[in-house]
Every structure is written in structure tokens, then in C-alpha cells.
């Protein structure tokens, strides 16, 4: 797994690449927690366009960050999940609590009113 992180306003954009499974769950959790603790973050945008597989351990990592952000009136948004990953997210009920967007810019515009740099 590779992770690209970027902060725009009070949103953390996360771009994982590869498989999100038990082998990387602890690292995934630690990196997200460190980034969320580094500054006041209200929104987490997960760009899943380059994720080929996700299992329950990483679903749990995402759900944990969702619970954390909801406590501060924030939210988690999902972007461009591949069909096989989208199917797992859908079956797990993630789209009932998290919105899905076709791209990062759309997510940022709708959740934080981002206008570009």
C-alpha cells in the first residue's frame, strides 16, 4: 500500500494505492491518526480510484475515523471507488453513512466550499 496525503483547508485528502487489507491496516490507521492529530481536520476524503481490494480490517479503520469525525460535526467522503471495492462498501452499508463523489474537486466543493488554490 502506498498513501498520498494532502490537506486543503480543513479537509484531509487520502489517496491510497494497492490493496487495503489486514497486512496494512495498522499502518493505514496510524498514518490517518497522525494526520488527523496534526491539525484541526473536519473532513476526510478517501480517493479509492487506485485501490484494487479492501477487506474488513481496513473497513474498520475507515469506520473508526468516521466515528471520530462525526463527533466534531465532520464527515468522511468516498471518491471514485473501483467496482469491486464499491461493491464491498455498498454491501457493508458505507453509502448509508458516507457520501460518494465522482472526484475530489466535487467532494471538496460540496463539503467544505473549496474554490481551488
PDB file of N, CA and C in Angstrom:
ATOM      1  N   UNK A   1       0.839  -1.178   0.000  1.00  0.00           N
ATOM      2  CA  UNK A   1       0.000   0.000   0.000  1.00  0.00           C
ATOM      3  C   UNK A   1       0.883   1.240   0.000  1.00  0.00           C
ATOM      4  N   UNK A   2       0.523   2.161  -0.820  1.00  0.00           N
ATOM      5  CA  UNK A   2       1.124   3.496  -0.824  1.00  0.00           C
ATOM      6  C   UNK A   2       0.029   4.472  -0.424  1.00  0.00           C
ATOM      7  N   UNK A   3       0.408   5.535   0.277  1.00  0.00           N
ATOM      8  CA  UNK A   3      -0.561   6.553   0.684  1.00  0.00           C
ATOM      9  C   UNK A   3      -0.045   7.928   0.317  1.00  0.00           C
ATOM     10  N   UNK A   4      -0.877   8.697  -0.343  1.00  0.00           N
ATOM     11  CA  UNK A   4      -0.580  10.091  -0.616  1.00  0.00           C
ATOM     12  C   UNK A   4      -1.568  10.905   0.209  1.00  0.00           C
ATOM     13  N   UNK A   5      -1.066  11.819   1.020  1.00  0.00           N
ATOM     14  CA  UNK A   5      -1.917  12.653   1.866  1.00  0.00           C
ATOM     15  C   UNK A   5      -1.758  14.110   1.466  1.00  0.00           C
ATOM     16  N   UNK A   6      -2.864  14.844   1.518  1.00  0.00           N
ATOM     17  CA  UNK A   6      -2.839  16.274   1.230  1.00  0.00           C
ATOM     18  C   UNK A   6      -3.899  16.937   2.093  1.00  0.00           C
ATOM     19  N   UNK A   7      -3.561  18.101   2.628  1.00  0.00           N
ATOM     20  CA  UNK A   7      -4.533  18.852   3.426  1.00  0.00           C
ATOM     21  C   UNK A   7      -4.913  20.097   2.651  1.00  0.00           C
ATOM     22  N   UNK A   8      -6.212  20.301   2.497  1.00  0.00           N
ATOM     23  CA  UNK A   8      -6.756  21.501   1.867  1.00  0.00           C
ATOM     24  C   UNK A   8      -7.804  22.050   2.825  1.00  0.00           C
ATOM     25  N   UNK A   9      -7.561  23.256   3.298  1.00  0.00           N
ATOM     26  CA  UNK A   9      -8.410  23.869   4.316  1.00  0.00           C
ATOM     27  C   UNK A   9      -8.509  22.915   5.500  1.00  0.00           C
ATOM     28  N   UNK A  10      -9.710  22.508   5.872  1.00  0.00           N
ATOM     29  CA  UNK A  10      -9.845  21.573   6.998  1.00  0.00           C
ATOM     30  C   UNK A  10     -10.239  20.174   6.525  1.00  0.00           C
ATOM     31  N   UNK A  11      -9.778  19.853   5.310  1.00  0.00           N
ATOM     32  CA  UNK A  11     -10.044  18.532   4.735  1.00  0.00           C
ATOM     33  C   UNK A  11      -8.730  17.781   4.522  1.00  0.00           C
ATOM     34  N   UNK A  12      -8.736  16.518   4.887  1.00  0.00           N
ATOM     35  CA  UNK A  12      -7.609  15.627   4.633  1.00  0.00           C
ATOM     36  C   UNK A  12      -7.974  14.753   3.445  1.00  0.00           C
ATOM     37  N   UNK A  13      -7.204  14.867   2.373  1.00  0.00           N
ATOM     38  CA  UNK A  13      -7.392  14.022   1.195  1.00  0.00           C
ATOM     39  C   UNK A  13      -6.414  12.860   1.289  1.00  0.00           C
ATOM     40  N   UNK A  14      -6.927  11.660   1.163  1.00  0.00           N
ATOM     41  CA  UNK A  14      -6.114  10.459   1.255  1.00  0.00           C
ATOM     42  C   UNK A  14      -6.273   9.676  -0.035  1.00  0.00           C
ATOM     43  N   UNK A  15      -5.133   9.352  -0.644  1.00  0.00           N
ATOM     44  CA  UNK A  15      -5.123   8.614  -1.909  1.00  0.00           C
ATOM     45  C   UNK A  15      -4.319   7.336  -1.734  1.00  0.00           C
ATOM     46  N   UNK A  16      -4.975   6.275  -1.248  1.00  0.00           N
ATOM     47  CA  UNK A  16      -4.257   5.005  -1.122  1.00  0.00           C
ATOM     48  C   UNK A  16      -4.122   4.324  -2.479  1.00  0.00           C
ATOM     49  N   UNK A  17      -3.072   3.500  -2.592  1.00  0.00           N
ATOM     50  CA  UNK A  17      -2.860   2.731  -3.815  1.00  0.00           C
ATOM     51  C   UNK A  17      -2.580   1.290  -3.422  1.00  0.00           C
ATOM     52  N   UNK A  18      -3.197   0.361  -4.137  1.00  0.00           N
ATOM     53  CA  UNK A  18      -2.955  -1.053  -3.889  1.00  0.00           C
ATOM     54  C   UNK A  18      -4.074  -1.691  -3.099  1.00  0.00           C
ATOM     55  N   UNK A  19      -3.719  -2.668  -2.288  1.00  0.00           N
ATOM     56  CA  UNK A  19      -4.700  -3.419  -1.514  1.00  0.00           C
ATOM     57  C   UNK A  19      -4.758  -2.900  -0.088  1.00  0.00           C
ATOM     58  N   UNK A  20      -5.982  -2.685   0.392  1.00  0.00           N
ATOM     59  CA  UNK A  20      -6.198  -2.291   1.783  1.00  0.00           C
ATOM     60  C   UNK A  20      -6.709  -3.529   2.512  1.00  0.00           C
ATOM     61  N   UNK A  21      -5.776  -4.221   3.175  1.00  0.00           N
ATOM     62  CA  UNK A  21      -6.124  -5.464   3.842  1.00  0.00           C
ATOM     63  C   UNK A  21      -5.465  -5.539   5.209  1.00  0.00           C
ATOM     64  N   UNK A  22      -5.595  -6.684   5.862  1.00  0.00           N
ATOM     65  CA  UNK A  22      -5.074  -6.872   7.208  1.00  0.00           C
ATOM     66  C   UNK A  22      -3.577  -6.556   7.300  1.00  0.00           C
ATOM     67  N   UNK A  23      -2.839  -6.844   6.258  1.00  0.00           N
ATOM     68  CA  UNK A  23      -1.398  -6.618   6.273  1.00  0.00           C
ATOM     69  C   UNK A  23      -1.024  -5.144   6.411  1.00  0.00           C
ATOM     70  N   UNK A  24      -1.898  -4.236   5.989  1.00  0.00           N
ATOM     71  CA  UNK A  24      -1.590  -2.804   6.039  1.00  0.00           C
ATOM     72  C   UNK A  24      -2.505  -2.019   6.976  1.00  0.00           C
ATOM     73  N   UNK A  25      -3.453  -2.691   7.621  1.00  0.00           N
ATOM     74  CA  UNK A  25      -4.462  -1.995   8.438  1.00  0.00           C
ATOM     75  C   UNK A  25      -3.843  -1.160   9.552  1.00  0.00           C
ATOM     76  N   UNK A  26      -2.871  -1.698  10.272  1.00  0.00           N
ATOM     77  CA  UNK A  26      -2.265  -0.940  11.373  1.00  0.00           C
ATOM     78  C   UNK A  26      -1.538   0.300  10.867  1.00  0.00           C
ATOM     79  N   UNK A  27      -0.804   0.155   9.775  1.00  0.00           N
ATOM     80  CA  UNK A  27      -0.108   1.305   9.188  1.00  0.00           C
ATOM     81  C   UNK A  27      -1.105   2.338   8.677  1.00  0.00           C
ATOM     82  N   UNK A  28      -2.154   1.885   8.009  1.00  0.00           N
ATOM     83  CA  UNK A  28      -3.199   2.757   7.489  1.00  0.00           C
ATOM     84  C   UNK A  28      -3.818   3.562   8.636  1.00  0.00           C
ATOM     85  N   UNK A  29      -4.165   2.891   9.724  1.00  0.00           N
ATOM     86  CA  UNK A  29      -4.748   3.546  10.899  1.00  0.00           C
ATOM     87  C   UNK A  29      -3.767   4.567  11.486  1.00  0.00           C
ATOM     88  N   UNK A  30      -2.515   4.174  11.659  1.00  0.00           N
ATOM     89  CA  UNK A  30      -1.523   5.055  12.278  1.00  0.00           C
ATOM     90  C   UNK A  30      -1.287   6.317  11.446  1.00  0.00           C
ATOM     91  N   UNK A  31      -1.183   6.160  10.138  1.00  0.00           N
ATOM     92  CA  UNK A  31      -0.947   7.311   9.267  1.00  0.00           C
ATOM     93  C   UNK A  31      -2.143   8.263   9.303  1.00  0.00           C
ATOM     94  N   UNK A  32      -3.349   7.714   9.248  1.00  0.00           N
ATOM     95  CA  UNK A  32      -4.539   8.568   9.305  1.00  0.00           C
ATOM     96  C   UNK A  32      -4.638   9.291  10.641  1.00  0.00           C
ATOM     97  N   UNK A  33      -4.398   8.580  11.728  1.00  0.00           N
ATOM     98  CA  UNK A  33      -4.470   9.196  13.053  1.00  0.00           C
ATOM     99  C   UNK A  33      -3.448  10.318  13.197  1.00  0.00           C
ATOM    100  N   UNK A  34      -2.234  10.086  12.745  1.00  0.00           N
ATOM    101  CA  UNK A  34      -1.193  11.108  12.839  1.00  0.00           C
ATOM    102  C   UNK A  34      -1.596  12.356  12.060  1.00  0.00           C
ATOM    103  N   UNK A  35      -2.137  12.164  10.866  1.00  0.00           N
ATOM    104  CA  UNK A  35      -2.569  13.297  10.046  1.00  0.00           C
ATOM    105  C   UNK A  35      -3.749  14.029  10.690  1.00  0.00           C
ATOM    106  N   UNK A  36      -4.696  13.287  11.256  1.00  0.00           N
ATOM    107  CA  UNK A  36      -5.858  13.908  11.885  1.00  0.00           C
ATOM    108  C   UNK A  36      -5.471  14.671  13.152  1.00  0.00           C
ATOM    109  N   UNK A  37      -4.406  14.243  13.805  1.00  0.00           N
ATOM    110  CA  UNK A  37      -3.959  14.918  15.022  1.00  0.00           C
ATOM    111  C   UNK A  37      -3.048  16.107  14.737  1.00  0.00           C
ATOM    112  N   UNK A  38      -2.546  16.208  13.510  1.00  0.00           N
ATOM    113  CA  UNK A  38      -1.585  17.258  13.181  1.00  0.00           C
ATOM    114  C   UNK A  38      -2.215  18.642  13.089  1.00  0.00           C
ATOM    115  N   UNK A  39      -3.474  18.713  12.733  1.00  0.00           N
ATOM    116  CA  UNK A  39      -4.203  19.983  12.612  1.00  0.00           C
ATOM    117  C   UNK A  39      -5.690  19.717  12.794  1.00  0.00           C
ATOM    118  N   UNK A  40      -6.459  20.778  12.980  1.00  0.00           N
ATOM    119  CA  UNK A  40      -7.911  20.575  13.068  1.00  0.00           C
ATOM    120  C   UNK A  40      -8.479  20.139  11.708  1.00  0.00           C
ATOM    121  N   UNK A  41      -8.936  18.923  11.629  1.00  0.00           N
ATOM    122  CA  UNK A  41      -9.493  18.363  10.396  1.00  0.00           C
ATOM    123  C   UNK A  41     -10.949  18.004  10.659  1.00  0.00           C
ATOM    124  N   UNK A  42     -11.829  18.461   9.771  1.00  0.00           N
ATOM    125  CA  UNK A  42     -13.250  18.136   9.895  1.00  0.00           C
ATOM    126  C   UNK A  42     -13.721  17.161   8.828  1.00  0.00           C
ATOM    127  N   UNK A  43     -12.966  17.091   7.734  1.00  0.00           N
ATOM    128  CA  UNK A  43     -13.416  16.284   6.609  1.00  0.00           C
ATOM    129  C   UNK A  43     -12.300  15.359   6.142  1.00  0.00           C
ATOM    130  N   UNK A  44     -12.674  14.121   5.885  1.00  0.00           N
ATOM    131  CA  UNK A  44     -11.756  13.129   5.336  1.00  0.00           C
ATOM    132  C   UNK A  44     -12.299  12.706   3.986  1.00  0.00           C
ATOM    133  N   UNK A  45     -11.509  12.885   2.946  1.00  0.00           N
ATOM    134  CA  UNK A  45     -11.893  12.493   1.591  1.00  0.00           C
ATOM    135  C   UNK A  45     -10.975  11.350   1.178  1.00  0.00           C
ATOM    136  N   UNK A  46     -11.564  10.184   0.972  1.00  0.00           N
ATOM    137  CA  UNK A  46     -10.802   8.991   0.578  1.00  0.00           C
ATOM    138  C   UNK A  46     -10.984   8.754  -0.915  1.00  0.00           C
ATOM    139  N   UNK A  47      -9.912   8.966  -1.664  1.00  0.00           N
ATOM    140  CA  UNK A  47      -9.936   8.705  -3.098  1.00  0.00           C
ATOM    141  C   UNK A  47      -9.522   7.247  -3.304  1.00  0.00           C
ATOM    142  N   UNK A  48     -10.481   6.420  -3.659  1.00  0.00           N
ATOM    143  CA  UNK A  48     -10.260   4.978  -3.774  1.00  0.00           C
ATOM    144  C   UNK A  48     -10.047   4.513  -5.211  1.00  0.00           C
ATOM    145  N   UNK A  49      -9.717   5.444  -6.091  1.00  0.00           N
ATOM    146  CA  UNK A  49      -9.591   5.106  -7.513  1.00  0.00           C
ATOM    147  C   UNK A  49      -8.463   4.123  -7.806  1.00  0.00           C
ATOM    148  N   UNK A  50      -7.462   4.055  -6.921  1.00  0.00           N
ATOM    149  CA  UNK A  50      -6.338   3.150  -7.172  1.00  0.00           C
ATOM    150  C   UNK A  50      -6.260   2.029  -6.140  1.00  0.00           C
ATOM    151  N   UNK A  51      -7.380   1.769  -5.484  1.00  0.00           N
ATOM    152  CA  UNK A  51      -7.455   0.655  -4.529  1.00  0.00           C
ATOM    153  C   UNK A  51      -8.081  -0.528  -5.248  1.00  0.00           C
ATOM    154  N   UNK A  52      -7.366  -1.640  -5.280  1.00  0.00           N
ATOM    155  CA  UNK A  52      -7.839  -2.818  -6.004  1.00  0.00           C
ATOM    156  C   UNK A  52      -8.595  -3.799  -5.121  1.00  0.00           C
ATOM    157  N   UNK A  53      -8.447  -3.671  -3.792  1.00  0.00           N
ATOM    158  CA  UNK A  53      -9.076  -4.611  -2.866  1.00  0.00           C
ATOM    159  C   UNK A  53      -9.177  -3.953  -1.503  1.00  0.00           C
ATOM    160  N   UNK A  54     -10.269  -4.239  -0.792  1.00  0.00           N
ATOM    161  CA  UNK A  54     -10.416  -3.759   0.578  1.00  0.00           C
ATOM    162  C   UNK A  54     -11.073  -4.859   1.395  1.00  0.00           C
ATOM    163  N   UNK A  55     -10.580  -5.079   2.608  1.00  0.00           N
ATOM    164  CA  UNK A  55     -11.198  -6.088   3.468  1.00  0.00           C
ATOM    165  C   UNK A  55     -11.737  -5.442   4.746  1.00  0.00           C
ATOM    166  N   UNK A  56     -12.299  -6.278   5.609  1.00  0.00           N
ATOM    167  CA  UNK A  56     -12.981  -5.775   6.802  1.00  0.00           C
ATOM    168  C   UNK A  56     -12.054  -5.038   7.762  1.00  0.00           C
ATOM    169  N   UNK A  57     -10.776  -5.400   7.796  1.00  0.00           N
ATOM    170  CA  UNK A  57      -9.862  -4.706   8.709  1.00  0.00           C
ATOM    171  C   UNK A  57      -9.711  -3.237   8.322  1.00  0.00           C
ATOM    172  N   UNK A  58      -9.600  -2.943   7.042  1.00  0.00           N
ATOM    173  CA  UNK A  58      -9.471  -1.556   6.601  1.00  0.00           C
ATOM    174  C   UNK A  58     -10.830  -0.854   6.562  1.00  0.00           C
ATOM    175  N   UNK A  59     -11.903  -1.608   6.362  1.00  0.00           N
ATOM    176  CA  UNK A  59     -13.227  -1.009   6.522  1.00  0.00           C
ATOM    177  C   UNK A  59     -13.374  -0.508   7.957  1.00  0.00           C
ATOM    178  N   UNK A  60     -12.859  -1.278   8.902  1.00  0.00           N
ATOM    179  CA  UNK A  60     -12.895  -0.878  10.306  1.00  0.00           C
ATOM    180  C   UNK A  60     -12.074   0.373  10.566  1.00  0.00           C
ATOM    181  N   UNK A  61     -10.928   0.492   9.902  1.00  0.00           N
ATOM    182  CA  UNK A  61     -10.098   1.697  10.039  1.00  0.00           C
ATOM    183  C   UNK A  61     -10.887   2.915   9.556  1.00  0.00           C
ATOM    184  N   UNK A  62     -11.525   2.798   8.406  1.00  0.00           N
ATOM    185  CA  UNK A  62     -12.307   3.910   7.858  1.00  0.00           C
ATOM    186  C   UNK A  62     -13.474   4.232   8.783  1.00  0.00           C
ATOM    187  N   UNK A  63     -14.161   3.216   9.262  1.00  0.00           N
ATOM    188  CA  UNK A  63     -15.296   3.426  10.161  1.00  0.00           C
ATOM    189  C   UNK A  63     -14.861   4.111  11.459  1.00  0.00           C
ATOM    190  N   UNK A  64     -13.707   3.748  11.969  1.00  0.00           N
ATOM    191  CA  UNK A  64     -13.187   4.400  13.172  1.00  0.00           C
ATOM    192  C   UNK A  64     -12.935   5.880  12.958  1.00  0.00           C
ATOM    193  N   UNK A  65     -12.375   6.258  11.798  1.00  0.00           N
ATOM    194  CA  UNK A  65     -12.142   7.675  11.503  1.00  0.00           C
ATOM    195  C   UNK A  65     -13.478   8.385  11.299  1.00  0.00           C
ATOM    196  N   UNK A  66     -14.451   7.695  10.706  1.00  0.00           N
ATOM    197  CA  UNK A  66     -15.791   8.259  10.551  1.00  0.00           C
ATOM    198  C   UNK A  66     -16.371   8.613  11.923  1.00  0.00           C
ATOM    199  N   UNK A  67     -16.304   7.675  12.865  1.00  0.00           N
ATOM    200  CA  UNK A  67     -16.837   7.927  14.210  1.00  0.00           C
ATOM    201  C   UNK A  67     -16.138   9.100  14.878  1.00  0.00           C
ATOM    202  N   UNK A  68     -14.836   9.185  14.676  1.00  0.00           N
ATOM    203  CA  UNK A  68     -14.073  10.290  15.262  1.00  0.00           C
ATOM    204  C   UNK A  68     -14.526  11.632  14.692  1.00  0.00           C
ATOM    205  N   UNK A  69     -14.664  11.711  13.375  1.00  0.00           N
ATOM    206  CA  UNK A  69     -15.015  12.987  12.737  1.00  0.00           C
ATOM    207  C   UNK A  69     -16.460  13.386  12.984  1.00  0.00           C
ATOM    208  N   UNK A  70     -17.359  12.421  13.083  1.00  0.00           N
ATOM    209  CA  UNK A  70     -18.761  12.735  13.357  1.00  0.00           C
ATOM    210  C   UNK A  70     -18.891  13.425  14.719  1.00  0.00           C
ATOM    211  N   UNK A  71     -18.031  13.069  15.651  1.00  0.00           N
ATOM    212  CA  UNK A  71     -18.062  13.691  16.982  1.00  0.00           C
ATOM    213  C   UNK A  71     -17.742  15.175  16.944  1.00  0.00           C
ATOM    214  N   UNK A  72     -17.041  15.630  15.896  1.00  0.00           N
ATOM    215  CA  UNK A  72     -16.730  17.054  15.755  1.00  0.00           C
ATOM    216  C   UNK A  72     -17.503  17.665  14.576  1.00  0.00           C
ATOM    217  N   UNK A  73     -18.653  17.067  14.261  1.00  0.00           N
ATOM    218  CA  UNK A  73     -19.523  17.519  13.169  1.00  0.00           C
ATOM    219  C   UNK A  73     -18.830  17.479  11.812  1.00  0.00           C
ATOM    220  N   UNK A  74     -17.917  16.554  11.640  1.00  0.00           N
ATOM    221  CA  UNK A  74     -17.242  16.374  10.368  1.00  0.00           C
ATOM    222  C   UNK A  74     -17.862  15.221   9.604  1.00  0.00           C
ATOM    223  N   UNK A  75     -17.184  14.839   8.529  1.00  0.00           N
ATOM    224  CA  UNK A  75     -17.686  13.709   7.748  1.00  0.00           C
ATOM    225  C   UNK A  75     -16.581  13.076   6.922  1.00  0.00           C
ATOM    226  N   UNK A  76     -16.873  11.877   6.475  1.00  0.00           N
ATOM    227  CA  UNK A  76     -15.987  11.146   5.585  1.00  0.00           C
ATOM    228  C   UNK A  76     -16.691  11.019   4.239  1.00  0.00           C
ATOM    229  N   UNK A  77     -15.967  11.300   3.179  1.00  0.00           N
ATOM    230  CA  UNK A  77     -16.498  11.163   1.826  1.00  0.00           C
ATOM    231  C   UNK A  77     -15.625  10.199   1.041  1.00  0.00           C
ATOM    232  N   UNK A  78     -16.266   9.463   0.159  1.00  0.00           N
ATOM    233  CA  UNK A  78     -15.584   8.467  -0.672  1.00  0.00           C
ATOM    234  C   UNK A  78     -15.591   8.946  -2.114  1.00  0.00           C
ATOM    235  N   UNK A  79     -14.473   8.744  -2.796  1.00  0.00           N
ATOM    236  CA  UNK A  79     -14.337   9.221  -4.168  1.00  0.00           C
ATOM    237  C   UNK A  79     -13.905   8.081  -5.074  1.00  0.00           C
ATOM    238  N   UNK A  80     -14.658   7.911  -6.144  1.00  0.00           N
ATOM    239  CA  UNK A  80     -14.241   7.112  -7.302  1.00  0.00           C
ATOM    240  C   UNK A  80     -13.759   5.699  -6.969  1.00  0.00           C
ATOM    241  N   UNK A  81     -14.534   4.967  -6.191  1.00  0.00           N
ATOM    242  CA  UNK A  81     -14.163   3.587  -5.857  1.00  0.00           C
ATOM    243  C   UNK A  81     -14.274   2.690  -7.086  1.00  0.00           C
ATOM    244  N   UNK A  82     -13.300   1.813  -7.250  1.00  0.00           N
ATOM    245  CA  UNK A  82     -13.328   0.820  -8.312  1.00  0.00           C
ATOM    246  C   UNK A  82     -14.526  -0.115  -8.081  1.00  0.00           C
ATOM    247  N   UNK A  83     -15.079  -0.726  -9.143  1.00  0.00           N
ATOM    248  CA  UNK A  83     -16.295  -1.540  -8.997  1.00  0.00           C
ATOM    249  C   UNK A  83     -16.217  -2.605  -7.903  1.00  0.00           C
ATOM    250  N   UNK A  84     -15.115  -3.332  -7.812  1.00  0.00           N
ATOM    251  CA  UNK A  84     -15.020  -4.393  -6.812  1.00  0.00           C
ATOM    252  C   UNK A  84     -14.956  -3.820  -5.390  1.00  0.00           C
ATOM    253  N   UNK A  85     -14.305  -2.675  -5.220  1.00  0.00           N
ATOM    254  CA  UNK A  85     -14.237  -2.014  -3.915  1.00  0.00           C
ATOM    255  C   UNK A  85     -15.586  -1.379  -3.592  1.00  0.00           C
ATOM    256  N   UNK A  86     -16.205  -0.773  -4.595  1.00  0.00           N
ATOM    257  CA  UNK A  86     -17.516  -0.146  -4.399  1.00  0.00           C
ATOM    258  C   UNK A  86     -18.545  -1.181  -3.941  1.00  0.00           C
ATOM    259  N   UNK A  87     -18.483  -2.356  -4.507  1.00  0.00           N
ATOM    260  CA  UNK A  87     -19.405  -3.430  -4.142  1.00  0.00           C
ATOM    261  C   UNK A  87     -19.267  -3.785  -2.651  1.00  0.00           C
ATOM    262  N   UNK A  88     -18.028  -3.894  -2.174  1.00  0.00           N
ATOM    263  CA  UNK A  88     -17.781  -4.204  -0.759  1.00  0.00           C
ATOM    264  C   UNK A  88     -18.304  -3.073   0.127  1.00  0.00           C
ATOM    265  N   UNK A  89     -18.044  -1.829  -0.261  1.00  0.00           N
ATOM    266  CA  UNK A  89     -18.523  -0.675   0.512  1.00  0.00           C
ATOM    267  C   UNK A  89     -20.047  -0.651   0.557  1.00  0.00           C
ATOM    268  N   UNK A  90     -20.658  -0.941  -0.568  1.00  0.00           N
ATOM    269  CA  UNK A  90     -22.112  -0.953  -0.642  1.00  0.00           C
ATOM    270  C   UNK A  90     -22.702  -2.064   0.228  1.00  0.00           C
ATOM    271  N   UNK A  91     -22.138  -3.260   0.135  1.00  0.00           N
ATOM    272  CA  UNK A  91     -22.633  -4.386   0.928  1.00  0.00           C
ATOM    273  C   UNK A  91     -22.417  -4.153   2.424  1.00  0.00           C
ATOM    274  N   UNK A  92     -21.402  -3.384   2.769  1.00  0.00           N
ATOM    275  CA  UNK A  92     -21.092  -3.104   4.173  1.00  0.00           C
ATOM    276  C   UNK A  92     -21.888  -1.923   4.726  1.00  0.00           C
ATOM    277  N   UNK A  93     -22.680  -1.272   3.891  1.00  0.00           N
ATOM    278  CA  UNK A  93     -23.532  -0.173   4.348  1.00  0.00           C
ATOM    279  C   UNK A  93     -22.849   1.178   4.439  1.00  0.00           C
ATOM    280  N   UNK A  94     -21.661   1.307   3.874  1.00  0.00           N
ATOM    281  CA  UNK A  94     -20.932   2.568   3.984  1.00  0.00           C
ATOM    282  C   UNK A  94     -21.653   3.718   3.297  1.00  0.00           C
ATOM    283  N   UNK A  95     -22.357   3.444   2.196  1.00  0.00           N
ATOM    284  CA  UNK A  95     -23.011   4.530   1.473  1.00  0.00           C
ATOM    285  C   UNK A  95     -24.261   5.042   2.183  1.00  0.00           C
ATOM    286  N   UNK A  96     -24.662   4.376   3.251  1.00  0.00           N
ATOM    287  CA  UNK A  96     -25.761   4.893   4.071  1.00  0.00           C
ATOM    288  C   UNK A  96     -25.275   5.983   5.012  1.00  0.00           C
ATOM    289  N   UNK A  97     -23.970   5.979   5.322  1.00  0.00           N
ATOM    290  CA  UNK A  97     -23.443   6.966   6.268  1.00  0.00           C
ATOM    291  C   UNK A  97     -22.395   7.893   5.653  1.00  0.00           C
ATOM    292  N   UNK A  98     -21.899   7.552   4.472  1.00  0.00           N
ATOM    293  CA  UNK A  98     -20.881   8.357   3.795  1.00  0.00           C
ATOM    294  C   UNK A  98     -21.326   8.616   2.368  1.00  0.00           C
ATOM    295  N   UNK A  99     -21.093   9.837   1.904  1.00  0.00           N
ATOM    296  CA  UNK A  99     -21.448  10.163   0.527  1.00  0.00           C
ATOM    297  C   UNK A  99     -20.313   9.793  -0.412  1.00  0.00           C
ATOM    298  N   UNK A 100     -20.703   9.491  -1.630  1.00  0.00           N
ATOM    299  CA  UNK A 100     -19.747   9.148  -2.680  1.00  0.00           C
ATOM    300  C   UNK A 100     -19.763  10.256  -3.732  1.00  0.00           C
ATOM    301  N   UNK A 101     -18.574  10.615  -4.212  1.00  0.00           N
ATOM    302  CA  UNK A 101     -18.435  11.658  -5.220  1.00  0.00           C
ATOM    303  C   UNK A 101     -17.596  11.120  -6.384  1.00  0.00           C
ATOM    304  N   UNK A 102     -17.815  11.665  -7.592  1.00  0.00           N
ATOM    305  CA  UNK A 102     -17.055  11.180  -8.741  1.00  0.00           C
ATOM    306  C   UNK A 102     -15.604  11.661  -8.751  1.00  0.00           C
ATOM    307  N   UNK A 103     -15.300  12.738  -8.025  1.00  0.00           N
ATOM    308  CA  UNK A 103     -13.932  13.260  -7.996  1.00  0.00           C
ATOM    309  C   UNK A 103     -13.672  14.071  -6.745  1.00  0.00           C
ATOM    310  N   UNK A 104     -12.408  14.335  -6.497  1.00  0.00           N
ATOM    311  CA  UNK A 104     -12.015  15.083  -5.299  1.00  0.00           C
ATOM    312  C   UNK A 104     -12.561  16.510  -5.310  1.00  0.00           C
ATOM    313  N   UNK A 105     -12.477  17.171  -6.448  1.00  0.00           N
ATOM    314  CA  UNK A 105     -12.945  18.559  -6.516  1.00  0.00           C
ATOM    315  C   UNK A 105     -14.431  18.664  -6.189  1.00  0.00           C
ATOM    316  N   UNK A 106     -15.225  17.727  -6.706  1.00  0.00           N
ATOM    317  CA  UNK A 106     -16.662  17.735  -6.396  1.00  0.00           C
ATOM    318  C   UNK A 106     -16.894  17.545  -4.907  1.00  0.00           C
ATOM    319  N   UNK A 107     -16.161  16.621  -4.315  1.00  0.00           N
ATOM    320  CA  UNK A 107     -16.297  16.370  -2.880  1.00  0.00           C
ATOM    321  C   UNK A 107     -15.928  17.616  -2.091  1.00  0.00           C
ATOM    322  N   UNK A 108     -14.814  18.227  -2.428  1.00  0.00           N
ATOM    323  CA  UNK A 108     -14.372  19.414  -1.696  1.00  0.00           C
ATOM    324  C   UNK A 108     -15.346  20.571  -1.851  1.00  0.00           C
ATOM    325  N   UNK A 109     -15.860  20.793  -3.046  1.00  0.00           N
ATOM    326  CA  UNK A 109     -16.814  21.888  -3.266  1.00  0.00           C
ATOM    327  C   UNK A 109     -18.061  21.704  -2.416  1.00  0.00           C
ATOM    328  N   UNK A 110     -18.536  20.488  -2.355  1.00  0.00           N
ATOM    329  CA  UNK A 110     -19.792  20.230  -1.642  1.00  0.00           C
ATOM    330  C   UNK A 110     -19.614  20.136  -0.136  1.00  0.00           C
ATOM    331  N   UNK A 111     -18.467  19.690   0.329  1.00  0.00           N
ATOM    332  CA  UNK A 111     -18.349  19.531   1.777  1.00  0.00           C
ATOM    333  C   UNK A 111     -17.682  20.705   2.479  1.00  0.00           C
ATOM    334  N   UNK A 112     -16.780  21.401   1.825  1.00  0.00           N
ATOM    335  CA  UNK A 112     -16.110  22.499   2.519  1.00  0.00           C
ATOM    336  C   UNK A 112     -16.169  23.813   1.753  1.00  0.00           C
ATOM    337  N   UNK A 113     -16.818  23.811   0.606  1.00  0.00           N
ATOM    338  CA  UNK A 113     -16.899  25.040  -0.172  1.00  0.00           C
ATOM    339  C   UNK A 113     -15.568  25.460  -0.785  1.00  0.00           C
ATOM    340  N   UNK A 114     -14.715  24.485  -1.022  1.00  0.00           N
ATOM    341  CA  UNK A 114     -13.390  24.756  -1.586  1.00  0.00           C
ATOM    342  C   UNK A 114     -13.517  25.374  -2.966  1.00  0.00           C
ATOM    343  N   UNK A 115     -12.738  26.413  -3.234  1.00  0.00           N
ATOM    344  CA  UNK A 115     -12.795  27.095  -4.512  1.00  0.00           C
ATOM    345  C   UNK A 115     -11.505  26.962  -5.322  1.00  0.00           C
ATOM    346  N   UNK A 116     -10.617  26.120  -4.921  1.00  0.00           N
ATOM    347  CA  UNK A 116      -9.346  25.984  -5.631  1.00  0.00           C
ATOM    348  C   UNK A 116      -8.286  26.860  -5.014  1.00  0.00           C
ATOM    349  N   UNK A 117      -7.067  26.699  -5.500  1.00  0.00           N
ATOM    350  CA  UNK A 117      -5.958  27.486  -4.935  1.00  0.00           C
ATOM    351  C   UNK A 117      -5.459  28.502  -5.921  1.00  0.00           C
TER     352      UNK A 117
END
